Amino acid sequence: MAKIASAADLKKFQEDYKAKMAARKDKILVNVSLATCSIASGGKTVMEAMKDEVAKQGLSNVEFMQSGCMTYCHSEPTVVVTLPGKEPVCFGKLDDKSARELVQKYLKTGELVENVIPVNYVRVEL
């Protein structure tokens, strides 16, 4: 990222960020926690299973991301899914089978599946 050295640089960064977020508004965002505890619990396997199932289901509007610790070590591996126009939903204790079911049901039709974790954070939008 370029250094922000002036108010004009900050304004440009803000405009670019808003444009990036606007481009995501019609996408399904899948954020997989890949901190140490998640990786040890099978987080990489879960992400690969979800990517594979998204391809099998022909879903083209899914964007995958990875993050560090989501503070749900007791429920790893964890995944936060944001459907267009909906609040994020966190799922935990996933494995290959439940990750595929998550894609088949929640990502494809919006039908909730097992292992929802209540999310306690404030969402900030610019």
N, C-alpha and C. Protein backbone atom coordinates (compact mmCIF):
# COMPACT_ATOMS: atom_id res chain seq x y z
N MET A 1 0.84 -1.17 0.00
CA MET A 1 0.00 0.00 0.00
C MET A 1 0.89 1.24 0.00
N ALA A 2 0.50 2.20 -0.79
CA ALA A 2 1.26 3.45 -0.88
C ALA A 2 1.11 4.26 0.41
N LYS A 3 2.13 5.03 0.72
CA LYS A 3 2.11 5.87 1.90
C LYS A 3 1.13 7.02 1.70
N ILE A 4 0.34 7.30 2.71
CA ILE A 4 -0.60 8.41 2.66
C ILE A 4 0.11 9.62 3.25
N ALA A 5 0.39 10.59 2.39
CA ALA A 5 1.20 11.74 2.80
C ALA A 5 0.42 13.05 2.83
N SER A 6 -0.85 13.01 2.40
CA SER A 6 -1.60 14.26 2.37
C SER A 6 -3.10 13.96 2.50
N ALA A 7 -3.86 15.01 2.71
CA ALA A 7 -5.32 14.86 2.78
C ALA A 7 -5.87 14.35 1.45
N ALA A 8 -5.26 14.77 0.35
CA ALA A 8 -5.70 14.31 -0.98
C ALA A 8 -5.45 12.81 -1.14
N ASP A 9 -4.31 12.32 -0.61
CA ASP A 9 -4.02 10.89 -0.65
C ASP A 9 -5.05 10.11 0.15
N LEU A 10 -5.41 10.64 1.30
CA LEU A 10 -6.40 9.99 2.16
C LEU A 10 -7.77 9.96 1.48
N LYS A 11 -8.14 11.05 0.87
CA LYS A 11 -9.42 11.12 0.15
C LYS A 11 -9.44 10.10 -1.00
N LYS A 12 -8.34 10.00 -1.75
CA LYS A 12 -8.25 9.03 -2.85
C LYS A 12 -8.36 7.60 -2.32
N PHE A 13 -7.68 7.32 -1.21
CA PHE A 13 -7.76 5.99 -0.60
C PHE A 13 -9.20 5.67 -0.21
N GLN A 14 -9.88 6.63 0.40
CA GLN A 14 -11.28 6.44 0.81
C GLN A 14 -12.18 6.18 -0.40
N GLU A 15 -12.01 6.92 -1.45
CA GLU A 15 -12.81 6.73 -2.67
C GLU A 15 -12.55 5.36 -3.29
N ASP A 16 -11.28 4.96 -3.35
CA ASP A 16 -10.93 3.64 -3.89
C ASP A 16 -11.53 2.53 -3.04
N TYR A 17 -11.47 2.70 -1.73
CA TYR A 17 -12.02 1.69 -0.82
C TYR A 17 -13.53 1.57 -0.98
N LYS A 18 -14.22 2.70 -1.07
CA LYS A 18 -15.67 2.69 -1.27
C LYS A 18 -16.04 2.01 -2.58
N ALA A 19 -15.27 2.26 -3.63
CA ALA A 19 -15.52 1.63 -4.93
C ALA A 19 -15.32 0.12 -4.84
N LYS A 20 -14.28 -0.29 -4.13
CA LYS A 20 -14.01 -1.71 -3.94
C LYS A 20 -15.15 -2.38 -3.18
N MET A 21 -15.63 -1.74 -2.14
CA MET A 21 -16.73 -2.29 -1.35
C MET A 21 -18.04 -2.32 -2.16
N ALA A 22 -18.27 -1.32 -2.97
CA ALA A 22 -19.48 -1.28 -3.82
C ALA A 22 -19.46 -2.43 -4.82
N ALA A 23 -18.27 -2.76 -5.33
CA ALA A 23 -18.15 -3.86 -6.30
C ALA A 23 -18.45 -5.20 -5.65
N ARG A 24 -18.32 -5.29 -4.34
CA ARG A 24 -18.58 -6.52 -3.61
C ARG A 24 -20.04 -6.70 -3.21
N LYS A 25 -20.87 -5.70 -3.39
CA LYS A 25 -22.22 -5.74 -2.82
C LYS A 25 -23.08 -6.89 -3.33
N ASP A 26 -22.83 -7.40 -4.50
CA ASP A 26 -23.61 -8.51 -5.05
C ASP A 26 -22.89 -9.85 -4.92
N LYS A 27 -21.80 -9.87 -4.18
CA LYS A 27 -21.02 -11.10 -4.03
C LYS A 27 -21.30 -11.75 -2.67
N ILE A 28 -21.12 -13.05 -2.65
CA ILE A 28 -21.12 -13.80 -1.39
C ILE A 28 -19.69 -13.78 -0.89
N LEU A 29 -19.48 -13.25 0.30
CA LEU A 29 -18.14 -13.16 0.87
C LEU A 29 -17.95 -14.28 1.88
N VAL A 30 -16.89 -15.05 1.69
CA VAL A 30 -16.57 -16.18 2.58
C VAL A 30 -15.20 -15.91 3.18
N ASN A 31 -15.17 -15.67 4.50
CA ASN A 31 -13.94 -15.38 5.20
C ASN A 31 -13.58 -16.58 6.09
N VAL A 32 -12.51 -17.26 5.74
CA VAL A 32 -12.07 -18.44 6.49
C VAL A 32 -10.95 -18.04 7.43
N SER A 33 -11.11 -18.34 8.71
CA SER A 33 -10.05 -18.07 9.67
C SER A 33 -8.93 -19.06 9.44
N LEU A 34 -7.74 -18.54 9.20
CA LEU A 34 -6.57 -19.41 9.02
C LEU A 34 -5.45 -19.00 9.97
N ALA A 35 -5.83 -18.77 11.23
CA ALA A 35 -4.84 -18.58 12.28
C ALA A 35 -4.30 -19.95 12.66
N THR A 36 -3.32 -20.00 13.53
CA THR A 36 -2.67 -21.26 13.90
C THR A 36 -3.67 -22.30 14.38
N CYS A 37 -4.59 -21.90 15.27
CA CYS A 37 -5.54 -22.89 15.81
C CYS A 37 -6.48 -23.39 14.73
N SER A 38 -6.86 -22.56 13.80
CA SER A 38 -7.74 -22.98 12.71
C SER A 38 -7.01 -23.93 11.76
N ILE A 39 -5.79 -23.60 11.42
CA ILE A 39 -5.01 -24.48 10.54
C ILE A 39 -4.85 -25.84 11.19
N ALA A 40 -4.53 -25.86 12.49
CA ALA A 40 -4.35 -27.12 13.21
C ALA A 40 -5.65 -27.92 13.28
N SER A 41 -6.78 -27.23 13.23
CA SER A 41 -8.09 -27.89 13.30
C SER A 41 -8.64 -28.27 11.93
N GLY A 42 -7.93 -27.94 10.86
CA GLY A 42 -8.37 -28.32 9.52
C GLY A 42 -8.90 -27.18 8.69
N GLY A 43 -8.56 -25.95 9.02
CA GLY A 43 -9.05 -24.78 8.30
C GLY A 43 -8.71 -24.78 6.81
N LYS A 44 -7.50 -25.23 6.47
CA LYS A 44 -7.11 -25.26 5.06
C LYS A 44 -7.95 -26.28 4.30
N THR A 45 -8.23 -27.42 4.92
CA THR A 45 -9.07 -28.45 4.31
C THR A 45 -10.48 -27.92 4.08
N VAL A 46 -11.01 -27.18 5.07
CA VAL A 46 -12.35 -26.60 4.96
C VAL A 46 -12.39 -25.60 3.80
N MET A 47 -11.38 -24.74 3.70
CA MET A 47 -11.38 -23.75 2.63
C MET A 47 -11.32 -24.44 1.26
N GLU A 48 -10.47 -25.43 1.12
CA GLU A 48 -10.37 -26.14 -0.16
C GLU A 48 -11.66 -26.88 -0.50
N ALA A 49 -12.30 -27.48 0.51
CA ALA A 49 -13.57 -28.17 0.27
C ALA A 49 -14.64 -27.18 -0.18
N MET A 50 -14.68 -26.01 0.44
CA MET A 50 -15.66 -25.00 0.05
C MET A 50 -15.40 -24.50 -1.36
N LYS A 51 -14.15 -24.23 -1.69
CA LYS A 51 -13.81 -23.77 -3.05
C LYS A 51 -14.19 -24.83 -4.08
N ASP A 52 -13.91 -26.09 -3.77
CA ASP A 52 -14.25 -27.18 -4.67
C ASP A 52 -15.76 -27.28 -4.86
N GLU A 53 -16.52 -27.16 -3.76
CA GLU A 53 -17.98 -27.28 -3.83
C GLU A 53 -18.59 -26.07 -4.55
N VAL A 54 -18.03 -24.89 -4.36
CA VAL A 54 -18.50 -23.70 -5.09
C VAL A 54 -18.35 -23.93 -6.58
N ALA A 55 -17.22 -24.49 -7.00
CA ALA A 55 -17.00 -24.79 -8.43
C ALA A 55 -18.00 -25.83 -8.91
N LYS A 56 -18.22 -26.89 -8.13
CA LYS A 56 -19.16 -27.94 -8.51
C LYS A 56 -20.59 -27.41 -8.64
N GLN A 57 -20.95 -26.47 -7.77
CA GLN A 57 -22.29 -25.91 -7.78
C GLN A 57 -22.46 -24.81 -8.82
N GLY A 58 -21.36 -24.40 -9.44
CA GLY A 58 -21.41 -23.37 -10.47
C GLY A 58 -21.70 -21.98 -9.94
N LEU A 59 -21.31 -21.72 -8.70
CA LEU A 59 -21.53 -20.40 -8.11
C LEU A 59 -20.38 -19.47 -8.53
N SER A 60 -20.71 -18.43 -9.25
CA SER A 60 -19.66 -17.55 -9.77
C SER A 60 -19.53 -16.24 -8.99
N ASN A 61 -20.43 -16.00 -8.05
CA ASN A 61 -20.42 -14.73 -7.32
C ASN A 61 -19.88 -14.88 -5.90
N VAL A 62 -18.95 -15.82 -5.69
CA VAL A 62 -18.38 -16.07 -4.36
C VAL A 62 -16.95 -15.58 -4.33
N GLU A 63 -16.63 -14.80 -3.31
CA GLU A 63 -15.26 -14.31 -3.12
C GLU A 63 -14.73 -14.86 -1.80
N PHE A 64 -13.62 -15.57 -1.86
CA PHE A 64 -12.99 -16.13 -0.67
C PHE A 64 -11.92 -15.19 -0.14
N MET A 65 -11.85 -15.13 1.19
CA MET A 65 -10.82 -14.36 1.87
C MET A 65 -10.31 -15.23 3.01
N GLN A 66 -9.20 -14.87 3.54
CA GLN A 66 -8.74 -15.53 4.75
C GLN A 66 -8.33 -14.48 5.75
N SER A 67 -8.49 -14.81 7.03
CA SER A 67 -8.13 -13.87 8.08
C SER A 67 -7.36 -14.61 9.16
N GLY A 68 -6.89 -13.85 10.10
CA GLY A 68 -6.22 -14.43 11.26
C GLY A 68 -7.26 -14.82 12.29
N CYS A 69 -6.90 -14.68 13.51
CA CYS A 69 -7.73 -15.11 14.63
C CYS A 69 -9.06 -14.36 14.67
N MET A 70 -10.15 -15.12 14.80
CA MET A 70 -11.49 -14.53 14.97
C MET A 70 -11.95 -14.67 16.42
N THR A 71 -11.08 -15.15 17.30
CA THR A 71 -11.31 -15.34 18.73
C THR A 71 -12.31 -16.45 19.05
N TYR A 72 -12.49 -17.38 18.14
CA TYR A 72 -13.38 -18.51 18.39
C TYR A 72 -12.58 -19.81 18.41
N CYS A 73 -11.48 -19.82 19.13
CA CYS A 73 -10.59 -20.99 19.14
C CYS A 73 -11.33 -22.27 19.54
N HIS A 74 -12.33 -22.14 20.39
CA HIS A 74 -13.12 -23.30 20.83
C HIS A 74 -13.96 -23.90 19.72
N SER A 75 -14.12 -23.18 18.62
CA SER A 75 -15.00 -23.63 17.54
C SER A 75 -14.30 -23.74 16.19
N GLU A 76 -12.99 -23.76 16.19
CA GLU A 76 -12.25 -23.82 14.93
C GLU A 76 -12.48 -25.15 14.23
N PRO A 77 -12.38 -25.18 12.93
CA PRO A 77 -12.22 -24.05 12.02
C PRO A 77 -13.51 -23.25 11.86
N THR A 78 -13.35 -21.93 11.74
CA THR A 78 -14.50 -21.04 11.63
C THR A 78 -14.51 -20.33 10.28
N VAL A 79 -15.74 -20.04 9.83
CA VAL A 79 -15.96 -19.37 8.56
C VAL A 79 -17.07 -18.34 8.76
N VAL A 80 -16.85 -17.12 8.29
CA VAL A 80 -17.89 -16.09 8.31
C VAL A 80 -18.37 -15.89 6.88
N VAL A 81 -19.68 -16.03 6.68
CA VAL A 81 -20.28 -15.87 5.35
C VAL A 81 -21.18 -14.66 5.37
N THR A 82 -21.03 -13.79 4.37
CA THR A 82 -21.90 -12.64 4.21
C THR A 82 -22.60 -12.76 2.87
N LEU A 83 -23.90 -13.03 2.93
CA LEU A 83 -24.70 -13.07 1.71
C LEU A 83 -25.06 -11.63 1.33
N PRO A 84 -25.26 -11.34 0.05
CA PRO A 84 -25.60 -9.97 -0.36
C PRO A 84 -26.83 -9.44 0.39
N GLY A 85 -26.67 -8.26 0.99
CA GLY A 85 -27.77 -7.62 1.69
C GLY A 85 -28.08 -8.20 3.06
N LYS A 86 -27.28 -9.13 3.54
CA LYS A 86 -27.51 -9.78 4.84
C LYS A 86 -26.36 -9.49 5.79
N GLU A 87 -26.61 -9.71 7.07
CA GLU A 87 -25.57 -9.59 8.08
C GLU A 87 -24.68 -10.83 8.03
N PRO A 88 -23.41 -10.71 8.41
CA PRO A 88 -22.52 -11.87 8.42
C PRO A 88 -23.00 -12.94 9.40
N VAL A 89 -22.75 -14.19 9.04
CA VAL A 89 -23.07 -15.33 9.92
C VAL A 89 -21.79 -16.15 10.07
N CYS A 90 -21.46 -16.47 11.32
CA CYS A 90 -20.25 -17.23 11.62
C CYS A 90 -20.62 -18.69 11.88
N PHE A 91 -19.89 -19.59 11.24
CA PHE A 91 -20.08 -21.03 11.40
C PHE A 91 -18.80 -21.62 11.97
N GLY A 92 -18.93 -22.58 12.89
CA GLY A 92 -17.75 -23.18 13.50
C GLY A 92 -17.79 -24.68 13.53
N LYS A 93 -16.67 -25.25 13.96
CA LYS A 93 -16.49 -26.70 14.06
C LYS A 93 -16.80 -27.39 12.74
N LEU A 94 -16.28 -26.82 11.66
CA LEU A 94 -16.53 -27.36 10.33
C LEU A 94 -15.51 -28.44 9.97
N ASP A 95 -15.92 -29.32 9.09
CA ASP A 95 -15.03 -30.31 8.50
C ASP A 95 -15.36 -30.36 7.01
N ASP A 96 -14.75 -31.26 6.29
CA ASP A 96 -14.98 -31.36 4.84
C ASP A 96 -16.47 -31.48 4.52
N LYS A 97 -17.16 -32.39 5.19
CA LYS A 97 -18.58 -32.65 4.90
C LYS A 97 -19.45 -31.44 5.22
N SER A 98 -19.27 -30.85 6.41
CA SER A 98 -20.11 -29.71 6.79
C SER A 98 -19.78 -28.47 5.97
N ALA A 99 -18.53 -28.34 5.51
CA ALA A 99 -18.16 -27.21 4.65
C ALA A 99 -18.89 -27.31 3.31
N ARG A 100 -18.97 -28.51 2.78
CA ARG A 100 -19.68 -28.71 1.51
C ARG A 100 -21.18 -28.46 1.68
N GLU A 101 -21.73 -28.90 2.81
CA GLU A 101 -23.14 -28.66 3.09
C GLU A 101 -23.42 -27.16 3.23
N LEU A 102 -22.49 -26.45 3.83
CA LEU A 102 -22.61 -25.00 3.97
C LEU A 102 -22.74 -24.34 2.60
N VAL A 103 -21.95 -24.79 1.64
CA VAL A 103 -22.03 -24.25 0.28
C VAL A 103 -23.35 -24.64 -0.36
N GLN A 104 -23.71 -25.92 -0.28
CA GLN A 104 -24.92 -26.43 -0.93
C GLN A 104 -26.19 -25.78 -0.40
N LYS A 105 -26.23 -25.50 0.89
CA LYS A 105 -27.45 -24.96 1.48
C LYS A 105 -27.38 -23.44 1.69
N TYR A 106 -26.43 -22.98 2.51
CA TYR A 106 -26.45 -21.56 2.87
C TYR A 106 -26.01 -20.66 1.72
N LEU A 107 -24.90 -20.99 1.08
CA LEU A 107 -24.43 -20.14 -0.01
C LEU A 107 -25.37 -20.19 -1.21
N LYS A 108 -25.92 -21.35 -1.50
CA LYS A 108 -26.74 -21.52 -2.68
C LYS A 108 -28.19 -21.05 -2.48
N THR A 109 -28.78 -21.35 -1.31
CA THR A 109 -30.20 -21.07 -1.11
C THR A 109 -30.51 -20.17 0.09
N GLY A 110 -29.51 -19.90 0.94
CA GLY A 110 -29.75 -19.09 2.13
C GLY A 110 -30.29 -19.88 3.30
N GLU A 111 -30.36 -21.21 3.15
CA GLU A 111 -30.86 -22.07 4.23
C GLU A 111 -29.75 -22.28 5.27
N LEU A 112 -30.04 -21.91 6.53
CA LEU A 112 -29.04 -22.07 7.58
C LEU A 112 -28.74 -23.54 7.83
N VAL A 113 -27.50 -23.80 8.22
CA VAL A 113 -27.05 -25.14 8.57
C VAL A 113 -26.58 -25.14 10.02
N GLU A 114 -26.17 -26.29 10.51
CA GLU A 114 -25.69 -26.42 11.89
C GLU A 114 -24.44 -25.57 12.14
N ASN A 115 -24.13 -25.42 13.41
CA ASN A 115 -22.87 -24.81 13.87
C ASN A 115 -22.78 -23.31 13.70
N VAL A 116 -23.90 -22.60 13.81
CA VAL A 116 -23.85 -21.14 13.79
C VAL A 116 -23.30 -20.67 15.13
N ILE A 117 -22.37 -19.72 15.07
CA ILE A 117 -21.79 -19.11 16.27
C ILE A 117 -22.29 -17.67 16.34
N PRO A 118 -22.86 -17.26 17.47
CA PRO A 118 -23.26 -15.85 17.58
C PRO A 118 -22.05 -14.95 17.45
N VAL A 119 -22.14 -13.91 16.63
CA VAL A 119 -21.03 -12.99 16.40
C VAL A 119 -21.26 -11.74 17.23
N ASN A 120 -20.26 -11.36 17.99
CA ASN A 120 -20.35 -10.19 18.85
C ASN A 120 -19.29 -9.18 18.47
N TYR A 121 -19.56 -8.41 17.43
CA TYR A 121 -18.63 -7.36 17.06
C TYR A 121 -19.41 -6.23 16.39
N VAL A 122 -18.79 -5.07 16.34
CA VAL A 122 -19.39 -3.91 15.72
C VAL A 122 -18.90 -3.83 14.29
N ARG A 123 -19.81 -3.69 13.36
CA ARG A 123 -19.45 -3.58 11.96
C ARG A 123 -19.28 -2.10 11.61
N VAL A 124 -18.15 -1.74 11.08
CA VAL A 124 -17.85 -0.36 10.74
C VAL A 124 -17.81 -0.22 9.22
N GLU A 125 -18.54 0.75 8.71
CA GLU A 125 -18.51 1.01 7.28
C GLU A 125 -18.04 2.44 7.05
N LEU A 126 -17.25 2.62 6.03
CA LEU A 126 -16.78 3.97 5.69
C LEU A 126 -17.75 4.63 4.76
